[in-house]
N, C-alpha and C. Protein backbone atom coordinates (compact mmCIF):
# COMPACT_ATOMS: atom_id res chain seq x y z
N MET A 1 0.92 -1.15 -0.20
CA MET A 1 0.21 -0.06 -0.12
C MET A 1 0.97 0.96 -0.39
N SER A 2 0.40 2.08 -0.75
CA SER A 2 1.61 3.34 -0.98
C SER A 2 1.25 4.35 0.66
N PHE A 3 1.64 5.23 0.59
CA PHE A 3 1.49 6.33 1.58
C PHE A 3 0.15 6.91 1.68
N PHE A 4 -0.41 7.05 0.27
CA PHE A 4 -1.42 8.19 -0.08
C PHE A 4 -2.76 7.37 0.50
N GLN A 5 -2.47 6.11 -0.06
CA GLN A 5 -3.93 4.99 0.47
C GLN A 5 -3.64 4.69 2.18
N ARG A 6 -2.96 4.61 2.45
CA ARG A 6 -2.62 4.48 4.15
C ARG A 6 -3.59 5.72 4.66
N LEU A 7 -2.87 7.19 4.01
CA LEU A 7 -3.54 8.59 4.59
C LEU A 7 -5.00 8.57 4.91
N ALA A 8 -5.60 7.77 3.26
CA ALA A 8 -7.02 8.17 3.05
C ALA A 8 -7.37 7.09 4.15
N PHE A 9 -7.46 5.54 4.04
CA PHE A 9 -7.79 5.32 5.16
C PHE A 9 -8.19 5.78 6.80
N TYR A 10 -6.59 6.17 7.06
CA TYR A 10 -6.61 7.05 8.59
C TYR A 10 -7.85 7.91 8.41
N LEU A 11 -7.71 9.03 7.20
CA LEU A 11 -8.43 9.93 7.73
C LEU A 11 -9.78 9.57 7.57
N PHE A 12 -10.20 8.62 6.86
CA PHE A 12 -11.63 8.20 6.72
C PHE A 12 -12.37 7.57 8.13
N GLY A 13 -11.57 6.74 8.95
CA GLY A 13 -11.72 6.16 10.25
C GLY A 13 -11.62 7.19 11.00
N ALA A 14 -10.46 8.16 11.45
CA ALA A 14 -10.60 9.68 11.79
C ALA A 14 -12.22 10.39 11.74
N LEU A 15 -12.87 10.17 10.72
CA LEU A 15 -13.80 11.42 10.07
C LEU A 15 -14.68 10.71 10.59
N LEU A 16 -15.06 9.21 10.75
CA LEU A 16 -16.23 8.45 10.89
C LEU A 16 -16.13 8.54 12.37
N GLY A 17 -14.84 8.31 13.33
CA GLY A 17 -15.03 8.14 14.70
C GLY A 17 -15.37 9.54 15.25
N CYS A 18 -14.94 10.64 14.45
CA CYS A 18 -15.59 11.97 14.92
C CYS A 18 -17.05 12.01 14.74
N ILE A 19 -17.51 11.51 13.60
CA ILE A 19 -19.24 11.53 13.49
C ILE A 19 -19.64 10.83 14.49
N VAL A 20 -19.26 9.33 15.06
CA VAL A 20 -19.88 8.94 15.65
C VAL A 20 -19.47 9.62 17.28
N VAL A 21 -18.63 10.05 17.93
CA VAL A 21 -18.36 10.50 19.03
C VAL A 21 -19.40 11.90 18.81
N TYR A 22 -19.35 12.74 18.08
CA TYR A 22 -20.55 13.93 18.27
C TYR A 22 -21.50 13.67 18.60
N PHE A 23 -22.18 12.49 17.60
CA PHE A 23 -23.53 12.14 18.04
C PHE A 23 -23.93 11.60 19.19
N ILE A 24 -23.02 10.71 19.56
CA ILE A 24 -23.24 10.22 21.30
C ILE A 24 -23.06 11.55 22.06
N TRP A 25 -22.53 12.50 22.09
CA TRP A 25 -22.43 13.49 22.69
C TRP A 25 -23.36 14.39 23.17
N GLN A 26 -23.69 14.70 21.55
CA GLN A 26 -24.90 15.47 21.36
C GLN A 26 -26.16 14.95 22.34
N LYS A 27 -26.60 13.51 21.98
CA LYS A 27 -27.26 13.53 22.87
C LYS A 27 -27.32 13.19 24.54
N LYS A 28 -26.24 13.23 24.90
CA LYS A 28 -25.78 13.11 26.26
C LYS A 28 -26.33 14.51 27.06
N ASP A 29 -26.12 15.37 26.04
CA ASP A 29 -26.50 17.15 26.80
C ASP A 29 -24.85 17.07 27.90
N THR A 30 -23.69 16.83 27.42
CA THR A 30 -22.72 17.19 28.49
C THR A 30 -21.89 18.20 28.32
N SER A 31 -21.38 18.75 29.06
CA SER A 31 -20.71 20.10 29.07
C SER A 31 -19.41 19.92 29.78
N PHE A 32 -18.28 20.76 29.08
CA PHE A 32 -16.89 20.26 29.80
C PHE A 32 -16.36 21.90 30.32
N CYS A 33 -16.49 21.95 31.86
CA CYS A 33 -16.16 23.18 32.11
C CYS A 33 -14.55 22.49 32.68
N TYR A 34 -13.77 23.18 32.43
CA TYR A 34 -12.40 23.03 32.78
C TYR A 34 -11.57 24.18 33.02
N LEU A 35 -12.02 25.43 32.46
CA LEU A 35 -10.93 26.61 32.77
C LEU A 35 -11.87 27.18 34.29
N PRO A 36 -11.09 27.85 35.00
CA PRO A 36 -11.84 28.65 36.00
C PRO A 36 -13.20 29.19 35.98
N ASN A 37 -13.28 30.18 34.95
CA ASN A 37 -14.56 31.20 34.83
C ASN A 37 -15.77 29.87 34.80
N CYS A 38 -15.62 28.84 33.78
CA CYS A 38 -16.51 28.31 33.52
C CYS A 38 -16.99 27.40 34.93
N ARG A 39 -15.90 26.86 35.83
CA ARG A 39 -16.21 26.05 36.83
C ARG A 39 -16.99 26.92 38.08
N THR A 40 -16.57 28.33 38.29
CA THR A 40 -16.86 28.98 39.11
C THR A 40 -18.44 29.30 38.90
N LEU A 41 -18.87 29.87 37.79
CA LEU A 41 -20.41 30.14 36.93
C LEU A 41 -21.23 29.01 37.46
N GLN A 42 -20.20 27.60 36.62
CA GLN A 42 -21.51 26.29 36.95
C GLN A 42 -21.81 25.86 38.28
N ASP A 43 -20.84 26.09 39.41
CA ASP A 43 -20.79 26.04 40.73
C ASP A 43 -22.05 26.98 41.24
N ILE A 44 -21.68 28.16 40.71
CA ILE A 44 -22.62 29.16 41.55
C ILE A 44 -24.34 28.72 40.71
N ARG A 45 -24.56 28.44 39.62
CA ARG A 45 -25.62 28.04 39.00
C ARG A 45 -26.36 26.88 39.50
N LEU A 46 -25.66 26.26 40.32
CA LEU A 46 -26.16 25.10 40.96
C LEU A 46 -26.68 25.13 42.05
N LYS A 47 -26.52 25.70 42.89
CA LYS A 47 -26.97 26.32 44.32
C LYS A 47 -27.94 27.02 44.04
N LYS A 48 -28.62 27.11 45.16
CA LYS A 48 -29.69 28.01 45.60
C LYS A 48 -29.79 29.28 45.79
N ARG A 49 -30.30 30.15 44.82
CA ARG A 49 -30.31 31.25 44.64
C ARG A 49 -31.31 32.33 46.06
N ALA A 50 -30.25 33.16 46.27
CA ALA A 50 -30.82 34.37 47.39
C ALA A 50 -30.35 35.81 47.03
N PHE A 51 -30.90 36.43 47.59
CA PHE A 51 -30.65 37.97 47.25
C PHE A 51 -30.35 38.93 48.34
N ASP A 52 -29.56 39.61 48.04
CA ASP A 52 -29.93 40.60 49.77
C ASP A 52 -30.67 41.21 49.55
N PRO A 53 -31.34 42.22 50.47
CA PRO A 53 -33.10 43.13 50.30
C PRO A 53 -32.75 43.82 49.48
N GLU A 54 -31.67 44.58 49.13
CA GLU A 54 -31.38 45.74 48.30
C GLU A 54 -31.29 45.06 46.67
N VAL A 55 -31.29 43.99 46.44
CA VAL A 55 -31.12 43.52 45.08
C VAL A 55 -32.46 42.90 45.05
N GLN A 56 -33.28 42.67 45.93
CA GLN A 56 -34.32 42.06 45.98
C GLN A 56 -35.35 43.04 45.61
N GLN A 57 -35.15 43.96 46.06
CA GLN A 57 -35.72 45.36 45.76
C GLN A 57 -35.73 45.66 44.25
N MET A 58 -34.52 45.82 43.86
CA MET A 58 -34.53 46.37 42.66
C MET A 58 -35.08 45.02 41.57
N ILE A 59 -35.57 43.86 41.72
CA ILE A 59 -36.21 42.77 41.22
C ILE A 59 -37.60 43.11 41.38
N ASN A 60 -37.89 43.30 42.56
CA ASN A 60 -39.55 43.94 42.47
C ASN A 60 -39.65 45.39 42.21
N SER A 61 -39.07 46.03 41.70
CA SER A 61 -39.41 47.30 41.37
C SER A 61 -38.93 46.92 39.70
N LYS A 62 -38.23 46.04 39.21
CA LYS A 62 -38.17 45.45 38.04
C LYS A 62 -37.42 46.38 37.22
N VAL A 63 -36.08 47.05 37.99
CA VAL A 63 -34.91 47.65 37.66
C VAL A 63 -33.85 45.97 37.08
N LEU A 64 -34.27 45.10 37.83
CA LEU A 64 -33.42 44.11 37.37
C LEU A 64 -34.28 42.64 37.34
N ASP A 65 -33.67 42.25 36.41
CA ASP A 65 -34.89 41.03 35.63
C ASP A 65 -33.88 39.36 36.30
N THR A 66 -34.65 38.80 36.69
CA THR A 66 -34.30 37.37 36.99
C THR A 66 -33.49 36.54 35.46
N ALA A 67 -33.96 37.04 34.10
CA ALA A 67 -33.36 36.71 33.12
C ALA A 67 -31.97 36.87 32.78
N ILE A 68 -31.90 38.35 33.18
CA ILE A 68 -30.18 38.88 33.29
C ILE A 68 -29.52 38.08 34.39
N ILE A 69 -30.06 37.61 35.26
CA ILE A 69 -29.43 36.37 36.32
C ILE A 69 -29.10 35.54 36.21
N SER A 70 -29.86 35.06 35.28
CA SER A 70 -29.57 33.53 34.66
C SER A 70 -28.73 34.04 33.60
N TYR A 71 -28.80 34.74 32.59
CA TYR A 71 -27.89 34.75 31.43
C TYR A 71 -26.55 34.95 32.05
N THR A 72 -26.31 36.11 32.87
CA THR A 72 -24.82 36.32 33.75
C THR A 72 -24.84 34.89 34.15
N TYR A 73 -25.10 34.18 34.84
CA TYR A 73 -24.72 32.73 35.22
C TYR A 73 -24.20 31.88 34.11
N LEU A 74 -25.16 31.86 33.11
CA LEU A 74 -24.23 31.01 31.70
C LEU A 74 -23.27 31.92 30.94
N ASN A 75 -23.37 33.43 30.81
CA ASN A 75 -22.15 33.51 29.80
C ASN A 75 -21.73 34.80 30.41
N GLY A 76 -21.54 34.64 31.97
CA GLY A 76 -20.83 36.32 32.60
C GLY A 76 -19.19 35.84 32.32
N SER A 77 -18.40 37.01 33.08
CA SER A 77 -17.02 36.80 33.06
C SER A 77 -16.64 37.08 34.19
N VAL A 78 -15.96 35.94 35.15
CA VAL A 78 -15.52 36.22 36.66
C VAL A 78 -14.30 36.66 36.34
N ASP A 79 -14.68 38.21 37.02
CA ASP A 79 -12.99 38.89 37.67
C ASP A 79 -12.57 38.51 38.75
N PHE A 80 -11.59 37.67 38.51
CA PHE A 80 -10.70 37.08 39.79
C PHE A 80 -9.77 38.02 40.35
N SER A 81 -9.31 38.72 39.88
CA SER A 81 -8.80 39.72 40.28
C SER A 81 -9.32 41.04 41.53
N LYS A 82 -10.67 40.86 41.03
CA LYS A 82 -11.36 41.93 42.01
C LYS A 82 -12.30 40.72 43.04
N SER A 83 -11.93 39.74 42.55
CA SER A 83 -12.73 38.43 43.99
C SER A 83 -11.73 38.21 44.81
N ASN A 84 -12.70 37.86 46.08
CA ASN A 84 -11.98 37.42 47.29
C ASN A 84 -11.91 35.83 47.52
N THR A 85 -11.24 35.01 47.02
CA THR A 85 -10.91 33.60 46.75
C THR A 85 -10.56 33.41 47.76
N LYS A 86 -10.05 33.82 48.69
CA LYS A 86 -9.32 33.35 50.04
C LYS A 86 -9.78 32.79 51.26
N LEU A 87 -11.36 33.39 51.22
CA LEU A 87 -11.82 33.45 52.26
C LEU A 87 -12.10 31.76 52.51
N LYS A 88 -12.14 31.31 53.87
CA LYS A 88 -12.67 29.95 54.29
C LYS A 88 -14.19 29.58 54.31
N SER A 89 -14.78 30.38 54.70
CA SER A 89 -16.62 30.56 54.65
C SER A 89 -17.13 30.54 53.26
N CYS A 90 -17.01 31.31 52.91
CA CYS A 90 -17.97 32.02 51.82
C CYS A 90 -17.20 32.95 50.90
N LYS A 91 -16.59 32.12 49.69
CA LYS A 91 -15.85 33.02 48.71
C LYS A 91 -16.71 34.06 48.35
N ARG A 92 -16.06 35.53 47.40
CA ARG A 92 -16.98 36.49 47.13
C ARG A 92 -16.09 36.51 45.58
N TYR A 93 -17.57 36.76 44.50
CA TYR A 93 -17.10 37.00 42.93
C TYR A 93 -17.48 37.72 42.45
N LYS A 94 -16.70 38.91 41.95
CA LYS A 94 -17.18 39.91 40.65
C LYS A 94 -17.50 39.23 39.38
N ILE A 95 -18.56 39.32 39.01
CA ILE A 95 -19.58 38.81 37.65
C ILE A 95 -19.60 39.91 36.76
N HIS A 96 -19.43 39.96 35.57
CA HIS A 96 -19.35 40.85 34.81
C HIS A 96 -20.10 40.28 33.41
N SER A 97 -21.22 40.74 33.03
CA SER A 97 -21.66 40.47 31.83
C SER A 97 -22.48 41.69 31.54
N GLU A 98 -23.13 41.69 30.26
CA GLU A 98 -23.47 42.80 28.94
C GLU A 98 -24.87 42.11 28.81
N PHE A 99 -25.61 42.75 28.66
CA PHE A 99 -27.02 42.42 28.18
C PHE A 99 -27.95 43.78 27.78
N ASN A 100 -28.63 43.98 26.38
CA ASN A 100 -29.46 44.45 26.31
C ASN A 100 -28.44 46.37 26.28
N ASN A 101 -27.05 46.34 25.48
CA ASN A 101 -26.55 47.36 25.53
C ASN A 101 -25.95 48.07 27.14
N LYS A 102 -26.29 46.97 28.17
CA LYS A 102 -25.89 47.33 29.67
C LYS A 102 -24.90 46.70 30.30
N THR A 103 -24.18 46.80 31.00
CA THR A 103 -23.13 46.10 31.53
C THR A 103 -23.76 46.29 33.16
N TYR A 104 -23.51 45.05 33.37
CA TYR A 104 -23.81 44.98 34.79
C TYR A 104 -22.77 43.51 35.43
N GLU A 105 -22.59 44.28 36.76
CA GLU A 105 -21.61 43.50 37.78
C GLU A 105 -22.34 42.96 38.97
N PHE A 106 -21.92 41.91 38.95
CA PHE A 106 -22.83 41.45 40.11
C PHE A 106 -21.90 40.70 41.32
N ASP A 107 -22.06 41.29 42.83
CA ASP A 107 -21.21 40.56 43.79
C ASP A 107 -21.79 39.49 44.68
N VAL A 108 -21.41 38.32 43.85
CA VAL A 108 -21.78 37.24 44.78
C VAL A 108 -20.92 36.77 45.69
N GLU A 109 -21.76 35.88 46.93
CA GLU A 109 -21.16 35.16 47.75
C GLU A 109 -21.39 34.03 47.57
N ASN A 110 -20.39 33.05 47.28
CA ASN A 110 -20.56 31.63 47.30
C ASN A 110 -20.33 30.67 48.36
N CYS A 111 -21.57 30.23 49.23
CA CYS A 111 -21.21 29.42 50.22
C CYS A 111 -21.65 27.89 50.05
N ASP A 112 -21.46 27.19 51.11
CA ASP A 112 -21.42 25.49 50.56
C ASP A 112 -22.79 25.73 49.88
N SER A 113 -23.86 25.65 50.41
CA SER A 113 -24.90 25.40 49.63
C SER A 113 -26.00 26.47 49.10
N ILE A 114 -25.43 27.94 49.14
CA ILE A 114 -26.17 28.89 48.71
C ILE A 114 -25.27 29.85 48.04
N ALA A 115 -25.96 30.74 47.14
CA ALA A 115 -25.32 31.64 46.46
C ALA A 115 -25.96 32.91 46.60
N THR A 116 -25.69 33.92 47.21
CA THR A 116 -26.17 35.18 47.74
C THR A 116 -25.84 36.05 46.66
N ILE A 117 -26.55 36.82 46.13
CA ILE A 117 -26.04 38.16 45.57
C ILE A 117 -26.39 39.22 46.20
N LYS A 118 -25.33 39.79 46.43
CA LYS A 118 -25.36 40.93 47.65
C LYS A 118 -25.21 42.18 46.82
N ASN A 119 -24.56 42.47 45.70
CA ASN A 119 -24.89 43.65 45.36
C ASN A 119 -25.26 43.74 43.71
N VAL A 120 -25.70 44.74 42.89
CA VAL A 120 -25.60 44.27 41.79
C VAL A 120 -25.43 45.93 41.18
N THR A 121 -24.25 46.22 40.36
CA THR A 121 -24.04 47.97 39.55
C THR A 121 -24.38 47.52 38.23
N ILE A 122 -25.04 48.66 37.95
CA ILE A 122 -26.19 48.68 36.05
C ILE A 122 -24.70 49.92 35.51
N LYS A 123 -23.87 49.59 34.61
CA LYS A 123 -23.49 50.94 33.72
C LYS A 123 -24.24 51.17 32.26
């Protein structure tokens, strides 16, 4: 067999394997969070939500919507330089997000079983 025939067989097998793996993973609805930003947001998303009274007032007065909070927990960016991750009890994270041409900055306290939004800044 020549080199080009072996290369063609290899590429055909690799392509077939990629297609099979793609369809298997698509049905399992899996996600791979290896980066710190993704892991932090996933950890916060899985916990019970709580709000400080100021934030609850913003939600009640319709200044802030829970859809924005959900969007931020999915697509936000954690600013680790402004976050306090050295605390032993509850870590505090600054999460930035843009939604409808507005910039939101969430101050989230992430404890063992609950994630509390302490403050929201809208720019």
